[in-house]
Amino acid sequence: MPKTLEEIASAVGGEVVGDPSIVITGAKGIREAKEGDITFVANPRYVILIDKTAASAIITSLEVTAASKPIIRVKDPSLAFAQAVAALYPVEIRHPKGIHKTAVIAKSAKVGRGVSMGPYVVVEEGAVIGDNTIIYAGSFIGHDTRIGRDCLIWANVSIRERVDIGNRVFIQSGAVIGSEGFGYVNVDGSYKLIPQIGTVSIEDDVEIGANVTIDRARFEKTIIGRGTKIDNLVQIAHNVVIGQNSIIVAQAGISGSTHIGNNVTIAGQAGLVGHIDIGDGAILAAQAGVMKSVAPKTMVSGYPARPHHEAMRIYAAMSKLPDLIKAVNELKKKFQEWQDRLTKGEE
């Protein structure tokens, strides 16, 4: 939906510098953008691309006061660009309305006002669904599970028994909440499952990506704190506790009984052993192998994970290994030649 730059600035709460009447028809990254597009610059390193992009306008930070093209100055360019995209490309999502005739709801289940359910949803005995929650087709809600109000649960989500989910929780398709924790004991050469009698507690405003698996606790609760956002394909094991407003990126794996603080970032494919503590504000870089606890506000990377600056020095040294090996081999050759001359009585 085309909009003037002034209309976009109003939608994102920004200040226009330049012609506010130009018409914007699309939004793209700064390298891909063409005439008619709006783009953004969040990282100061890329400000130089403003003069090179073909975009008709750029969303920038407040530090940029003028440019060769019209700009919208905002506090947070990334957020403003997302808002601009939403304004330019309005998406109409047609949620289910009412309860489909094929939904199976136990008599003892309690369903709040304004709840909608798609085809073949199953709600078992004693479950409670809060007001205005939407549950898409094929989802399963186990017995005595409680789901708060204004939640959105997409298709084919499985929420097992006795799980507690707060308000405004968003769960994408294929997620499994409350599955058995991975606990076994070896008895005479074969593994026997240790009963997992705990549950899972998801607090308010949590978002859970597609095909995420969150295991129930062995005894008490696996906890996902308020406002935490979990990307697709993340595994969270039994008895894990995650604090508030943390970010967990795709394919990360968190082993049992690990405690993660508030405002932690766990990047893609990071792996955490069990029974460790990750402090508030810590950052675990992509593919980090975290073998021990991490202090608050510390960034770690590598395998095994270590302070990021230390890991970078190690990687820099490793890149020099081919030259170092070549130099050592040359020294060995010269030493052998010198030793041969001594053996033959040469000076």
Protein backbone atom coordinates (compact mmCIF):
# COMPACT_ATOMS: atom_id res chain seq x y z
CA MET A 1 0.00 0.00 0.00
CA PRO A 2 1.87 3.13 -1.21
CA LYS A 3 2.37 5.89 1.34
CA THR A 4 4.05 9.26 1.45
CA LEU A 5 7.19 9.66 3.50
CA GLU A 6 5.23 11.93 5.83
CA GLU A 7 2.65 9.18 6.42
CA ILE A 8 5.38 6.65 7.19
CA ALA A 9 7.09 9.09 9.57
CA SER A 10 3.79 9.52 11.39
CA ALA A 11 3.38 5.74 11.66
CA VAL A 12 6.86 5.23 13.11
CA GLY A 13 7.04 8.39 15.22
CA GLY A 14 9.97 9.88 13.32
CA GLU A 15 11.13 13.22 11.92
CA VAL A 16 11.40 13.75 8.15
CA VAL A 17 14.45 15.55 6.78
CA GLY A 18 13.87 16.21 3.08
CA ASP A 19 10.82 16.03 0.86
CA PRO A 20 7.93 14.55 2.91
CA SER A 21 5.69 14.17 -0.14
CA ILE A 22 7.66 11.50 -1.99
CA VAL A 23 5.70 8.28 -2.44
CA ILE A 24 7.10 5.03 -1.03
CA THR A 25 5.88 1.79 -2.64
CA GLY A 26 8.10 -0.83 -1.01
CA ALA A 27 10.68 -1.66 1.64
CA LYS A 28 13.97 -3.55 1.23
CA GLY A 29 17.45 -3.89 2.67
CA ILE A 30 19.86 -1.11 1.87
CA ARG A 31 21.75 -3.11 -0.77
CA GLU A 32 18.65 -4.53 -2.46
CA ALA A 33 16.48 -1.41 -2.38
CA LYS A 34 15.40 0.29 -5.60
CA GLU A 35 13.75 3.58 -6.49
CA GLY A 36 10.44 3.82 -4.65
CA ASP A 37 11.69 1.73 -1.71
CA ILE A 38 12.44 2.79 1.82
CA THR A 39 15.33 1.19 3.68
CA PHE A 40 17.10 1.71 7.01
CA VAL A 41 20.53 2.08 8.60
CA ALA A 42 20.84 0.93 12.20
CA ASN A 43 24.59 0.28 12.40
CA PRO A 44 26.77 3.42 12.16
CA ARG A 45 29.26 1.47 10.03
CA TYR A 46 26.74 1.40 7.18
CA VAL A 47 25.92 5.11 7.11
CA ILE A 48 28.27 5.40 4.10
CA LEU A 49 25.81 3.25 2.12
CA ILE A 50 23.21 6.03 2.25
CA ASP A 51 24.92 7.69 -0.72
CA LYS A 52 25.14 4.39 -2.62
CA THR A 53 21.69 2.87 -2.12
CA ALA A 54 19.05 3.25 -4.84
CA ALA A 55 16.33 3.60 -2.19
CA SER A 56 14.20 6.74 -2.30
CA ALA A 57 14.35 7.26 1.48
CA ILE A 58 16.19 5.91 4.50
CA ILE A 59 15.25 5.47 8.15
CA THR A 60 18.22 6.47 10.31
CA SER A 61 19.17 7.02 13.91
CA LEU A 62 18.99 10.44 15.55
CA GLU A 63 22.74 10.84 15.10
CA VAL A 64 22.24 11.33 11.34
CA THR A 65 21.11 14.92 10.82
CA ALA A 66 21.31 15.25 7.02
CA ALA A 67 21.84 13.06 3.97
CA SER A 68 21.86 13.13 0.19
CA LYS A 69 18.37 11.59 0.19
CA PRO A 70 15.28 12.13 2.33
CA ILE A 71 15.53 10.45 5.72
CA ILE A 72 13.33 9.70 8.71
CA ARG A 73 15.21 10.18 11.99
CA VAL A 74 14.14 7.85 14.83
CA LYS A 75 15.47 6.51 18.11
CA ASP A 76 15.44 2.87 16.98
CA PRO A 77 15.82 2.41 13.18
CA SER A 78 15.31 -1.37 13.27
CA LEU A 79 12.00 -1.09 15.10
CA ALA A 80 10.86 1.81 12.92
CA PHE A 81 11.66 -0.11 9.74
CA ALA A 82 9.58 -3.04 10.99
CA GLN A 83 6.71 -0.63 11.63
CA ALA A 84 7.14 0.87 8.16
CA VAL A 85 7.02 -2.59 6.58
CA ALA A 86 3.79 -3.32 8.48
CA ALA A 87 2.29 -0.07 7.19
CA LEU A 88 3.31 -0.74 3.59
CA TYR A 89 2.37 -4.41 3.55
CA PRO A 90 -0.70 -4.85 5.76
CA VAL A 91 -1.33 -8.55 6.36
CA GLU A 92 -4.84 -9.80 6.90
CA ILE A 93 -4.80 -12.89 9.11
CA ARG A 94 -8.12 -14.70 9.21
CA HIS A 95 -8.21 -16.36 12.61
CA PRO A 96 -10.84 -18.99 13.35
CA LYS A 97 -14.06 -17.56 14.74
CA GLY A 98 -16.09 -19.58 17.18
CA ILE A 99 -15.59 -23.26 17.93
CA HIS A 100 -15.52 -25.62 14.96
CA LYS A 101 -18.00 -28.48 15.03
CA THR A 102 -15.20 -31.08 14.88
CA ALA A 103 -13.42 -29.77 18.01
CA VAL A 104 -13.54 -32.25 20.89
CA ILE A 105 -13.90 -30.56 24.27
CA ALA A 106 -14.19 -32.56 27.49
CA LYS A 107 -17.24 -31.83 29.63
CA SER A 108 -15.15 -30.76 32.61
CA ALA A 109 -13.02 -28.34 30.55
CA LYS A 110 -13.71 -24.63 31.05
CA VAL A 111 -13.69 -22.43 27.96
CA GLY A 112 -13.73 -18.65 28.40
CA ARG A 113 -15.63 -16.00 26.50
CA GLY A 114 -14.67 -15.30 22.91
CA VAL A 115 -12.48 -18.43 22.57
CA SER A 116 -12.04 -19.73 19.01
CA MET A 117 -10.97 -23.23 17.97
CA GLY A 118 -10.26 -24.61 14.51
CA PRO A 119 -11.06 -28.09 13.21
CA TYR A 120 -10.06 -31.16 15.24
CA VAL A 121 -8.77 -29.34 18.31
CA VAL A 122 -8.79 -31.63 21.37
CA VAL A 123 -9.23 -30.22 24.88
CA GLU A 124 -9.03 -32.83 27.64
CA GLU A 125 -10.63 -33.10 31.09
CA GLY A 126 -10.06 -30.25 33.54
CA ALA A 127 -8.37 -27.94 31.05
CA VAL A 128 -9.03 -24.19 31.31
CA ILE A 129 -8.87 -21.85 28.30
CA GLY A 130 -8.89 -18.09 29.00
CA ASP A 131 -10.98 -15.44 27.28
CA ASN A 132 -10.32 -14.58 23.63
CA THR A 133 -7.67 -17.25 23.14
CA ILE A 134 -7.41 -18.66 19.61
CA ILE A 135 -6.40 -22.28 18.98
CA TYR A 136 -5.78 -23.42 15.42
CA ALA A 137 -6.60 -26.77 13.82
CA GLY A 138 -5.22 -30.03 15.12
CA SER A 139 -3.86 -28.73 18.40
CA PHE A 140 -3.98 -30.82 21.59
CA ILE A 141 -4.55 -29.45 25.10
CA GLY A 142 -3.89 -32.02 27.83
CA HIS A 143 -5.85 -32.58 31.00
CA ASP A 144 -5.68 -29.97 33.77
CA THR A 145 -3.67 -27.60 31.59
CA ARG A 146 -4.41 -23.90 32.07
CA ILE A 147 -4.07 -21.39 29.23
CA GLY A 148 -4.52 -17.67 29.89
CA ARG A 149 -6.40 -15.03 27.95
CA ASP A 150 -5.57 -13.54 24.54
CA CYS A 151 -3.21 -16.37 23.59
CA LEU A 152 -2.61 -17.45 19.99
CA ILE A 153 -1.82 -21.12 19.42
CA TRP A 154 -1.17 -22.10 15.82
CA ALA A 155 -1.91 -25.43 14.13
CA ASN A 156 -0.67 -28.78 15.42
CA VAL A 157 0.67 -27.57 18.74
CA SER A 158 0.77 -30.16 21.55
CA ILE A 159 0.43 -28.89 25.10
CA ARG A 160 0.63 -31.79 27.50
CA GLU A 161 -1.10 -32.33 30.84
CA ARG A 162 -0.87 -29.93 33.81
CA VAL A 163 0.99 -27.24 31.89
CA ASP A 164 0.43 -23.62 32.96
CA ILE A 165 0.47 -20.95 30.25
CA GLY A 166 0.04 -17.25 30.99
CA ASN A 167 -1.65 -14.44 29.10
CA ARG A 168 -0.83 -13.23 25.59
CA VAL A 169 1.39 -16.20 24.84
CA PHE A 170 2.11 -16.85 21.15
CA ILE A 171 2.97 -20.43 20.11
CA GLN A 172 3.82 -21.31 16.52
CA SER A 173 2.96 -24.54 14.71
CA GLY A 174 4.49 -27.83 15.72
CA ALA A 175 5.67 -26.79 19.18
CA VAL A 176 5.49 -29.42 21.94
CA ILE A 177 5.15 -28.13 25.49
CA GLY A 178 5.43 -30.50 28.45
CA SER A 179 6.85 -33.60 26.80
CA GLU A 180 8.71 -36.13 28.95
CA GLY A 181 12.14 -34.98 30.08
CA PHE A 182 15.08 -37.03 28.81
CA GLY A 183 15.85 -38.97 32.00
CA TYR A 184 16.95 -42.60 32.06
CA VAL A 185 18.77 -44.99 34.36
CA ASN A 186 20.82 -47.94 33.18
CA VAL A 187 19.56 -51.16 34.74
CA ASP A 188 21.44 -54.33 33.83
CA GLY A 189 22.52 -52.92 30.50
CA SER A 190 19.22 -51.40 29.40
CA TYR A 191 17.80 -47.92 29.93
CA LYS A 192 14.65 -47.35 31.98
CA LEU A 193 12.70 -44.10 31.89
CA ILE A 194 12.77 -42.05 35.09
CA PRO A 195 9.23 -40.72 35.69
CA GLN A 196 8.94 -37.00 34.94
CA ILE A 197 6.15 -35.88 37.26
CA GLY A 198 6.72 -32.12 37.12
CA THR A 199 5.28 -29.60 34.69
CA VAL A 200 6.01 -26.51 32.58
CA SER A 201 5.13 -22.91 33.42
CA ILE A 202 5.07 -20.35 30.60
CA GLU A 203 4.68 -16.80 31.90
CA ASP A 204 2.91 -13.85 30.24
CA ASP A 205 3.95 -12.40 26.86
CA VAL A 206 6.22 -15.30 25.90
CA GLU A 207 6.58 -16.19 22.20
CA ILE A 208 7.52 -19.73 21.18
CA GLY A 209 8.67 -20.58 17.65
CA ALA A 210 7.79 -23.45 15.35
CA ASN A 211 8.85 -26.96 16.41
CA VAL A 212 10.22 -25.82 19.76
CA THR A 213 10.26 -28.54 22.42
CA ILE A 214 10.06 -27.71 26.13
CA ASP A 215 10.29 -30.71 28.46
CA ARG A 216 8.39 -31.03 31.72
CA ALA A 217 10.41 -31.02 34.94
CA ARG A 218 11.29 -34.20 36.73
CA PHE A 219 9.70 -32.97 39.98
CA GLU A 220 8.74 -29.28 39.94
CA LYS A 221 8.64 -26.84 36.99
CA THR A 222 10.46 -25.99 33.81
CA ILE A 223 9.96 -22.20 33.69
CA ILE A 224 9.99 -19.72 30.81
CA GLY A 225 9.97 -16.17 32.21
CA ARG A 226 7.77 -13.27 31.21
CA GLY A 227 8.52 -11.67 27.84
CA THR A 228 11.08 -14.24 26.69
CA LYS A 229 11.17 -14.94 22.94
CA ILE A 230 12.16 -18.35 21.58
CA ASP A 231 13.01 -18.94 17.92
CA ASN A 232 12.25 -22.07 15.89
CA LEU A 233 13.77 -25.49 16.59
CA VAL A 234 14.98 -24.80 20.11
CA GLN A 235 15.24 -27.62 22.68
CA ILE A 236 14.72 -26.78 26.36
CA ALA A 237 15.24 -29.71 28.70
CA HIS A 238 13.64 -30.61 32.03
CA ASN A 239 13.98 -28.31 35.04
CA VAL A 240 15.47 -25.46 33.00
CA VAL A 241 14.59 -22.02 34.35
CA ILE A 242 14.73 -19.07 31.95
CA GLY A 243 14.32 -15.54 33.26
CA GLN A 244 12.46 -12.59 31.83
CA ASN A 245 12.96 -10.93 28.43
CA SER A 246 15.60 -13.32 27.18
CA ILE A 247 16.17 -14.22 23.52
CA ILE A 248 16.91 -17.77 22.38
CA VAL A 249 17.74 -18.15 18.69
CA ALA A 250 17.11 -21.12 16.37
CA GLN A 251 18.60 -24.55 17.03
CA ALA A 252 19.95 -23.69 20.46
CA GLY A 253 19.90 -26.55 22.96
CA ILE A 254 19.71 -26.14 26.74
CA SER A 255 20.40 -29.16 28.93
CA GLY A 256 18.54 -30.02 32.11
CA SER A 257 18.52 -27.95 35.30
CA THR A 258 20.37 -25.01 33.77
CA HIS A 259 19.32 -21.60 35.09
CA ILE A 260 19.31 -18.64 32.68
CA GLY A 261 18.90 -15.09 33.94
CA ASN A 262 17.02 -12.06 32.65
CA ASN A 263 17.83 -10.32 29.35
CA VAL A 264 20.13 -13.12 28.20
CA THR A 265 20.84 -13.66 24.49
CA ILE A 266 21.53 -17.21 23.33
CA ALA A 267 22.47 -17.15 19.64
CA GLY A 268 21.83 -19.82 17.02
CA GLN A 269 23.08 -23.37 17.57
CA ALA A 270 24.58 -22.59 20.96
CA GLY A 271 24.69 -25.65 23.21
CA LEU A 272 24.58 -25.54 27.00
CA VAL A 273 25.45 -28.37 29.38
CA GLY A 274 23.22 -29.00 32.36
CA HIS A 275 23.35 -27.65 35.91
CA ILE A 276 25.04 -24.32 35.11
CA ASP A 277 24.00 -20.69 35.66
CA ILE A 278 23.93 -17.99 32.98
CA GLY A 279 23.93 -14.53 34.55
CA ASP A 280 21.66 -11.60 33.72
CA GLY A 281 22.53 -9.83 30.47
CA ALA A 282 24.99 -12.49 29.28
CA ILE A 283 25.45 -13.12 25.54
CA LEU A 284 26.24 -16.60 24.23
CA ALA A 285 27.45 -16.29 20.64
CA ALA A 286 26.38 -18.54 17.77
CA GLN A 287 27.56 -22.16 18.08
CA ALA A 288 29.06 -21.52 21.49
CA GLY A 289 29.68 -24.68 23.45
CA VAL A 290 28.93 -23.56 27.00
CA MET A 291 30.53 -25.98 29.45
CA LYS A 292 30.44 -23.90 32.64
CA SER A 293 28.55 -21.04 34.24
CA VAL A 294 28.72 -17.56 32.67
CA ALA A 295 28.90 -14.40 34.75
CA PRO A 296 26.35 -11.60 34.27
CA LYS A 297 26.90 -9.22 31.33
CA THR A 298 29.60 -11.43 29.85
CA MET A 299 29.88 -12.39 26.17
CA VAL A 300 31.29 -15.83 25.41
CA SER A 301 31.96 -17.65 22.15
CA GLY A 302 33.74 -20.68 20.73
CA TYR A 303 34.05 -24.28 21.85
CA PRO A 304 34.54 -24.62 24.69
CA ALA A 305 33.01 -21.18 25.23
CA ARG A 306 35.32 -18.58 26.74
CA PRO A 307 35.26 -14.76 26.98
CA HIS A 308 34.72 -13.46 23.47
CA HIS A 309 37.89 -11.34 23.28
CA GLU A 310 39.96 -14.35 24.34
CA ALA A 311 38.26 -16.58 21.78
CA MET A 312 38.97 -14.03 19.04
CA ARG A 313 42.70 -14.03 19.90
CA ILE A 314 42.74 -17.82 19.73
CA TYR A 315 41.00 -17.83 16.33
CA ALA A 316 43.45 -15.21 15.05
CA ALA A 317 46.38 -17.37 16.19
CA MET A 318 44.87 -20.47 14.60
CA SER A 319 44.66 -18.69 11.25
CA LYS A 320 48.46 -18.38 11.34
CA LEU A 321 49.05 -22.08 11.90
CA PRO A 322 49.77 -22.94 8.21
CA ASP A 323 52.55 -20.31 8.10
CA LEU A 324 53.85 -21.46 11.46
CA ILE A 325 53.97 -25.10 10.33
CA LYS A 326 55.77 -24.07 7.13
CA ALA A 327 58.34 -22.09 9.13
CA VAL A 328 58.90 -24.99 11.56
CA ASN A 329 59.39 -27.44 8.67
CA GLU A 330 61.94 -25.10 7.06
CA LEU A 331 63.81 -24.83 10.38
CA LYS A 332 63.78 -28.62 10.72
CA LYS A 333 65.20 -28.96 7.22
CA LYS A 334 68.01 -26.45 7.92
CA PHE A 335 68.76 -28.11 11.25
CA GLN A 336 68.99 -31.51 9.55
CA GLU A 337 71.35 -30.08 6.93
CA TRP A 338 73.54 -28.55 9.66
CA GLN A 339 73.51 -31.81 11.62
CA ASP A 340 74.51 -33.78 8.49
CA ARG A 341 77.45 -31.47 7.88
CA LEU A 342 78.64 -31.94 11.46
CA THR A 343 78.37 -35.70 11.09
CA LYS A 344 80.56 -35.52 7.97
CA GLY A 345 83.09 -33.30 9.78
CA GLU A 346 82.21 -30.15 7.84
CA GLU A 347 82.40 -26.72 9.41
